[in-house]
Amino acid sequence: MYCTLHCIRTSLRIAAQAHGHHLPATALCALRTLRTSPACLTDAIATPPLDGAPKQYSPKIQQLVNDISSLTLLEVSDLNELLKKTLNIQDVGMMPMGAMAAAQSAAAPAAEEDAAPAKKGKTHFTVKLTELKAEDKVKLIKEVKNCIQGLNLVQAKKLVESLPQEIRANVSKEEAEKLKTALEAAGGTVVLE
C-alpha cells in the first residue's frame, strides 16, 4: 500500500512540475489528497470512536486515574493546592446556579431599596448557619468553603457537621444578604443577627 501511494504521489508531482501546474482539476485534487495523507500507515491519526463506542484511554492516563482515586481526602487537597501553584491557577469560588438566579432576582428589589430613603437600623450583621438539608450536605460544604477564605474542604465539613455555626461576623447588610442567599440555595438555613 505504501509503495503504491508513494508511486502515485511522485508521478503526480512530476506531472505538476512538467505542466507548470496546468493539470485537470481531478489530478490536482488527487495531488492535494496525497500531499496531506501520511507517508506511511503508522503515521495515520487514529480515527475517533463511533458514537456510543467506549473511548480507549492510554495506559498513562489510566494509571493517573488509578493513582488519584486511591488518594485520601487530605492528599487530594494537597494535590489540588500543588496543581494550582504549578499551573498558576487562581482560587476562585464558584457561585451555584440557584444562587445566581436568586442574586439576579434580588437585584431588582435592591434597586428599589436604594431609591427609598435610608432607614436607621442595624448596619452590621452576623451570618449564622443553623440547619441543613441532609440531601444537600455536599453542596453546602462546598458553599461554606467558598464563603470562608482559607478554609479547606475538611474544615468546611467539620463546620457544617457541628451546627449552629457562625459563618461571618460584622458584615454589611448587602454582604450578609448575599451570603444568606448563597447558603440557602445550597440547602442551609441561615439567620442574620
Protein backbone atom coordinates (compact mmCIF):
# COMPACT_ATOMS: atom_id res chain seq x y z
CA MET A 1 0.00 0.00 0.00
CA TYR A 2 2.79 2.41 0.91
CA CYS A 3 4.63 1.73 -2.35
CA THR A 4 1.50 2.39 -4.43
CA LEU A 5 0.76 5.68 -2.66
CA HIS A 6 4.39 6.73 -2.96
CA CYS A 7 4.46 5.97 -6.70
CA ILE A 8 1.22 7.84 -7.40
CA ARG A 9 2.33 10.81 -5.29
CA THR A 10 5.68 11.01 -7.08
CA SER A 11 4.17 10.71 -10.56
CA LEU A 12 1.58 13.42 -9.85
CA ARG A 13 4.27 15.77 -8.54
CA ILE A 14 6.40 15.22 -11.64
CA ALA A 15 3.40 15.82 -13.87
CA ALA A 16 2.51 19.01 -12.00
CA GLN A 17 6.07 20.34 -12.35
CA ALA A 18 6.28 19.40 -16.04
CA HIS A 19 2.98 21.03 -16.98
CA GLY A 20 3.53 24.16 -14.90
CA HIS A 21 0.61 23.39 -12.61
CA HIS A 22 -1.87 23.30 -15.54
CA LEU A 23 -3.41 19.95 -14.64
CA PRO A 24 -7.05 18.95 -14.76
CA ALA A 25 -9.00 19.56 -11.55
CA THR A 26 -9.23 15.83 -10.74
CA ALA A 27 -5.46 15.44 -10.86
CA LEU A 28 -4.98 18.50 -8.64
CA CYS A 29 -7.47 17.12 -6.10
CA ALA A 30 -5.68 13.79 -6.08
CA LEU A 31 -2.35 15.53 -5.60
CA ARG A 32 -3.71 17.58 -2.67
CA THR A 33 -5.12 14.46 -1.06
CA LEU A 34 -1.84 12.63 -1.39
CA ARG A 35 0.13 15.57 -0.03
CA THR A 36 -1.96 15.60 3.11
CA SER A 37 -2.11 11.83 3.55
CA PRO A 38 0.50 10.21 5.79
CA ALA A 39 3.71 8.90 4.24
CA CYS A 40 3.22 5.54 5.90
CA LEU A 41 0.30 3.85 7.59
CA THR A 42 1.80 4.14 11.09
CA ASP A 43 1.72 7.95 10.79
CA ALA A 44 -2.05 7.96 10.33
CA ILE A 45 -4.06 9.72 13.00
CA ALA A 46 -6.31 7.41 14.96
CA THR A 47 -9.94 7.80 13.99
CA PRO A 48 -12.27 8.92 16.75
CA PRO A 49 -14.56 6.24 18.18
CA LEU A 50 -18.08 5.95 16.81
CA ASP A 51 -20.99 7.30 18.82
CA GLY A 52 -21.77 5.00 21.71
CA ALA A 53 -18.46 3.16 21.48
CA PRO A 54 -16.33 3.34 24.65
CA LYS A 55 -13.30 5.60 24.36
CA GLN A 56 -9.91 3.97 24.75
CA TYR A 57 -7.55 5.78 27.11
CA SER A 58 -3.79 5.48 27.12
CA PRO A 59 -2.15 3.42 29.88
CA LYS A 60 -0.57 6.61 31.24
CA ILE A 61 -3.98 8.25 31.73
CA GLN A 62 -5.41 5.06 33.25
CA GLN A 63 -2.52 4.90 35.72
CA LEU A 64 -3.06 8.55 36.72
CA VAL A 65 -6.75 7.91 37.35
CA ASN A 66 -5.94 4.85 39.47
CA ASP A 67 -3.35 6.79 41.48
CA ILE A 68 -5.68 9.75 42.09
CA SER A 69 -8.64 7.57 43.04
CA SER A 70 -6.55 5.87 45.73
CA LEU A 71 -5.68 9.19 47.45
CA THR A 72 -7.21 10.24 50.76
CA LEU A 73 -9.18 13.48 51.06
CA LEU A 74 -6.22 15.31 52.61
CA GLU A 75 -3.90 14.10 49.84
CA VAL A 76 -6.41 15.30 47.23
CA SER A 77 -6.44 18.68 48.95
CA ASP A 78 -2.62 18.82 48.82
CA LEU A 79 -2.65 17.72 45.18
CA ASN A 80 -5.19 20.42 44.36
CA GLU A 81 -3.07 23.07 46.09
CA LEU A 82 0.13 21.94 44.34
CA LEU A 83 -1.56 21.85 40.92
CA LYS A 84 -2.90 25.37 41.44
CA LYS A 85 0.61 26.59 42.31
CA THR A 86 2.30 24.67 39.49
CA LEU A 87 -0.20 25.68 36.81
CA ASN A 88 -0.63 29.21 38.24
CA ILE A 89 -4.41 28.85 38.68
CA GLN A 90 -6.09 31.39 40.92
CA ASP A 91 -8.51 30.18 43.58
CA VAL A 92 -11.95 31.42 42.53
CA GLY A 93 -15.11 30.48 44.38
CA MET A 94 -17.97 29.18 42.27
CA MET A 95 -21.47 30.51 42.65
CA PRO A 96 -24.11 27.78 42.46
CA MET A 97 -26.73 28.19 39.75
CA GLY A 98 -29.53 28.64 42.28
CA ALA A 99 -27.66 31.45 43.99
CA MET A 100 -27.00 33.10 40.64
CA ALA A 101 -30.72 33.18 39.79
CA ALA A 102 -31.57 34.39 43.28
CA ALA A 103 -28.94 37.12 43.04
CA GLN A 104 -30.43 38.33 39.74
CA SER A 105 -33.96 38.39 41.14
CA ALA A 106 -32.71 40.12 44.29
CA ALA A 107 -31.02 42.82 42.21
CA ALA A 108 -34.35 44.40 41.17
CA PRO A 109 -35.68 44.90 44.74
CA ALA A 110 -32.25 46.19 45.77
CA ALA A 111 -32.53 48.99 43.22
CA GLU A 112 -35.93 49.98 44.67
CA GLU A 113 -34.49 49.97 48.20
CA ASP A 114 -31.69 52.33 47.11
CA ALA A 115 -34.28 54.80 45.82
CA ALA A 116 -36.15 54.80 49.13
CA PRO A 117 -34.76 56.96 51.91
CA ALA A 118 -32.31 55.12 54.14
CA LYS A 119 -33.86 53.78 57.32
CA LYS A 120 -31.99 53.88 60.56
CA GLY A 121 -31.22 50.44 61.82
CA LYS A 122 -28.61 47.79 62.17
CA THR A 123 -25.69 48.21 59.74
CA HIS A 124 -23.55 45.17 60.57
CA PHE A 125 -24.71 41.60 60.83
CA THR A 126 -23.51 38.15 61.84
CA VAL A 127 -24.34 35.35 59.41
CA LYS A 128 -25.14 32.16 61.30
CA LEU A 129 -25.80 28.75 59.71
CA THR A 130 -28.31 26.91 61.89
CA GLU A 131 -29.57 23.86 59.96
CA LEU A 132 -29.00 21.91 56.76
CA LYS A 133 -30.93 19.60 54.47
CA ALA A 134 -29.28 16.18 54.59
CA GLU A 135 -29.58 15.66 50.82
CA ASP A 136 -27.75 18.96 50.14
CA LYS A 137 -24.89 18.42 52.59
CA VAL A 138 -22.16 18.21 49.92
CA LYS A 139 -23.35 21.37 48.16
CA LEU A 140 -23.49 23.20 51.47
CA ILE A 141 -19.96 22.11 52.43
CA LYS A 142 -18.64 23.45 49.12
CA GLU A 143 -20.52 26.72 49.55
CA VAL A 144 -19.21 27.17 53.13
CA LYS A 145 -15.68 26.58 51.81
CA ASN A 146 -16.26 29.33 49.21
CA CYS A 147 -17.73 31.73 51.80
CA ILE A 148 -14.89 31.48 54.31
CA GLN A 149 -11.49 32.34 52.91
CA GLY A 150 -8.64 29.96 53.76
CA LEU A 151 -10.97 27.10 54.70
CA ASN A 152 -10.33 23.71 53.12
CA LEU A 153 -12.93 21.01 52.46
CA VAL A 154 -12.18 19.04 55.62
CA GLN A 155 -12.58 22.11 57.80
CA ALA A 156 -15.77 23.11 55.97
CA LYS A 157 -17.17 19.60 56.51
CA LYS A 158 -16.43 19.76 60.25
CA LEU A 159 -18.03 23.20 60.47
CA VAL A 160 -21.21 22.05 58.67
CA GLU A 161 -21.48 18.92 60.82
CA SER A 162 -21.33 20.94 64.06
CA LEU A 163 -24.23 23.36 63.52
CA PRO A 164 -25.19 26.02 64.55
CA GLN A 165 -22.07 27.88 63.47
CA GLU A 166 -21.15 31.48 62.79
CA ILE A 167 -20.07 31.87 59.15
CA ARG A 168 -19.10 35.56 59.19
CA ALA A 169 -19.37 38.32 61.75
CA ASN A 170 -19.60 42.10 61.43
CA VAL A 171 -20.51 42.22 57.73
CA SER A 172 -22.58 44.80 55.86
CA LYS A 173 -26.23 44.16 55.12
CA GLU A 174 -25.60 43.61 51.38
CA GLU A 175 -22.85 41.08 52.00
CA ALA A 176 -24.90 39.32 54.68
CA GLU A 177 -27.84 39.02 52.27
CA LYS A 178 -25.57 37.62 49.55
CA LEU A 179 -24.16 35.02 51.93
CA LYS A 180 -27.64 34.12 53.17
CA THR A 181 -28.92 33.68 49.61
CA ALA A 182 -25.95 31.53 48.57
CA LEU A 183 -26.09 29.31 51.66
CA GLU A 184 -29.85 28.85 51.45
CA ALA A 185 -29.57 27.95 47.77
CA ALA A 186 -27.05 25.27 48.79
CA GLY A 187 -29.51 23.77 51.29
CA GLY A 188 -28.81 25.55 54.57
CA THR A 189 -30.93 27.56 56.98
CA VAL A 190 -29.35 30.92 57.75
CA VAL A 191 -30.10 33.51 60.44
CA LEU A 192 -28.84 37.10 60.34
CA GLU A 193 -28.15 38.53 63.80
